Amino acid sequence: MIAKEEIRKLPMQEKLALLEAVWAEISPEADELEIPQWHKDLLDDRELALREGRTEVLDWEDAKRQIRAATR
């Protein structure tokens, strides 16, 4: 197993390559993963809020701008 300290030292491109390798390993089995109930509940709540007009869908570019502004 790779230690977190080793991962932290990697350049960004190597971190991304590591993520891609891990995803390539687990993605064929992704359907076997159990989705936690709290994830399902959260999605149900968000879908209901959208249907009831209590929230809106944002364009991805707008969402990224809002996230960046909130984290500065």
C-alpha atoms as a PDB file:
ATOM      1  CA  MET A   1       0.000   0.000   0.000  1.00  0.00           C
ATOM      2  CA  ILE A   2       1.200   3.511  -0.774  1.00  0.00           C
ATOM      3  CA  ALA A   3       1.518   5.763   2.278  1.00  0.00           C
ATOM      4  CA  LYS A   4      -0.360   9.062   2.241  1.00  0.00           C
ATOM      5  CA  GLU A   5       2.924  10.883   2.790  1.00  0.00           C
ATOM      6  CA  GLU A   6       4.297   9.380  -0.419  1.00  0.00           C
ATOM      7  CA  ILE A   7       1.208  10.440  -2.341  1.00  0.00           C
ATOM      8  CA  ARG A   8       1.469  13.998  -1.002  1.00  0.00           C
ATOM      9  CA  LYS A   9       5.002  14.222  -2.394  1.00  0.00           C
ATOM     10  CA  LEU A  10       3.994  13.210  -5.920  1.00  0.00           C
ATOM     11  CA  PRO A  11       3.681  15.851  -8.637  1.00  0.00           C
ATOM     12  CA  MET A  12       0.098  16.588  -9.683  1.00  0.00           C
ATOM     13  CA  GLN A  13       0.407  14.676 -12.971  1.00  0.00           C
ATOM     14  CA  GLU A  14       1.517  11.547 -11.128  1.00  0.00           C
ATOM     15  CA  LYS A  15      -1.334  11.905  -8.638  1.00  0.00           C
ATOM     16  CA  LEU A  16      -3.782  12.101 -11.531  1.00  0.00           C
ATOM     17  CA  ALA A  17      -2.204   9.057 -13.186  1.00  0.00           C
ATOM     18  CA  LEU A  18      -2.546   7.178  -9.891  1.00  0.00           C
ATOM     19  CA  LEU A  19      -6.219   8.144  -9.652  1.00  0.00           C
ATOM     20  CA  GLU A  20      -6.818   6.970 -13.216  1.00  0.00           C
ATOM     21  CA  ALA A  21      -5.125   3.646 -12.479  1.00  0.00           C
ATOM     22  CA  VAL A  22      -7.210   3.108  -9.343  1.00  0.00           C
ATOM     23  CA  TRP A  23     -10.429   4.017 -11.157  1.00  0.00           C
ATOM     24  CA  ALA A  24      -9.555   1.615 -14.004  1.00  0.00           C
ATOM     25  CA  GLU A  25      -9.242  -1.131 -11.380  1.00  0.00           C
ATOM     26  CA  ILE A  26     -12.484  -0.470  -9.522  1.00  0.00           C
ATOM     27  CA  SER A  27     -14.811   0.799 -12.250  1.00  0.00           C
ATOM     28  CA  PRO A  28     -15.608  -2.658 -13.679  1.00  0.00           C
ATOM     29  CA  GLU A  29     -16.933  -3.584 -10.226  1.00  0.00           C
ATOM     30  CA  ALA A  30     -18.691  -0.280  -9.493  1.00  0.00           C
ATOM     31  CA  ASP A  31     -22.137  -1.871  -9.828  1.00  0.00           C
ATOM     32  CA  GLU A  32     -21.282  -4.106  -6.878  1.00  0.00           C
ATOM     33  CA  LEU A  33     -20.743  -1.158  -4.543  1.00  0.00           C
ATOM     34  CA  GLU A  34     -23.504  -0.530  -2.040  1.00  0.00           C
ATOM     35  CA  ILE A  35     -24.816   3.014  -2.090  1.00  0.00           C
ATOM     36  CA  PRO A  36     -25.241   4.243   1.486  1.00  0.00           C
ATOM     37  CA  GLN A  37     -28.823   5.060   2.484  1.00  0.00           C
ATOM     38  CA  TRP A  38     -27.861   8.617   3.415  1.00  0.00           C
ATOM     39  CA  HIS A  39     -26.701   9.179  -0.198  1.00  0.00           C
ATOM     40  CA  LYS A  40     -30.058   7.969  -1.485  1.00  0.00           C
ATOM     41  CA  ASP A  41     -31.902  10.144   1.045  1.00  0.00           C
ATOM     42  CA  LEU A  42     -29.888  13.213   0.084  1.00  0.00           C
ATOM     43  CA  LEU A  43     -30.574  12.684  -3.625  1.00  0.00           C
ATOM     44  CA  ASP A  44     -34.282  12.171  -2.913  1.00  0.00           C
ATOM     45  CA  ASP A  45     -34.365  15.409  -0.895  1.00  0.00           C
ATOM     46  CA  ARG A  46     -32.615  17.330  -3.666  1.00  0.00           C
ATOM     47  CA  GLU A  47     -34.919  15.925  -6.338  1.00  0.00           C
ATOM     48  CA  LEU A  48     -37.952  16.912  -4.264  1.00  0.00           C
ATOM     49  CA  ALA A  49     -36.572  20.434  -3.740  1.00  0.00           C
ATOM     50  CA  LEU A  50     -36.093  20.763  -7.495  1.00  0.00           C
ATOM     51  CA  ARG A  51     -39.635  19.556  -8.235  1.00  0.00           C
ATOM     52  CA  GLU A  52     -41.070  21.932  -5.628  1.00  0.00           C
ATOM     53  CA  GLY A  53     -39.097  24.880  -7.013  1.00  0.00           C
ATOM     54  CA  ARG A  54     -37.048  25.367  -3.819  1.00  0.00           C
ATOM     55  CA  THR A  55     -33.810  25.018  -5.775  1.00  0.00           C
ATOM     56  CA  GLU A  56     -32.571  25.300  -9.337  1.00  0.00           C
ATOM     57  CA  VAL A  57     -30.142  23.522 -11.598  1.00  0.00           C
ATOM     58  CA  LEU A  58     -27.003  25.461 -12.439  1.00  0.00           C
ATOM     59  CA  ASP A  59     -24.941  25.297 -15.577  1.00  0.00           C
ATOM     60  CA  TRP A  60     -21.629  23.575 -14.756  1.00  0.00           C
ATOM     61  CA  GLU A  61     -19.609  26.685 -15.592  1.00  0.00           C
ATOM     62  CA  ASP A  62     -21.776  28.799 -13.278  1.00  0.00           C
ATOM     63  CA  ALA A  63     -21.458  26.208 -10.530  1.00  0.00           C
ATOM     64  CA  LYS A  64     -17.665  26.226 -10.827  1.00  0.00           C
ATOM     65  CA  ARG A  65     -17.619  30.029 -10.630  1.00  0.00           C
ATOM     66  CA  GLN A  66     -19.741  29.951  -7.482  1.00  0.00           C
ATOM     67  CA  ILE A  67     -17.549  27.294  -5.871  1.00  0.00           C
ATOM     68  CA  ARG A  68     -14.392  29.216  -6.690  1.00  0.00           C
ATOM     69  CA  ALA A  69     -15.853  32.459  -5.326  1.00  0.00           C
ATOM     70  CA  ALA A  70     -16.945  30.735  -2.105  1.00  0.00           C
ATOM     71  CA  THR A  71     -13.534  29.170  -1.513  1.00  0.00           C
ATOM     72  CA  ARG A  72     -11.398  32.293  -1.989  1.00  0.00           C
END
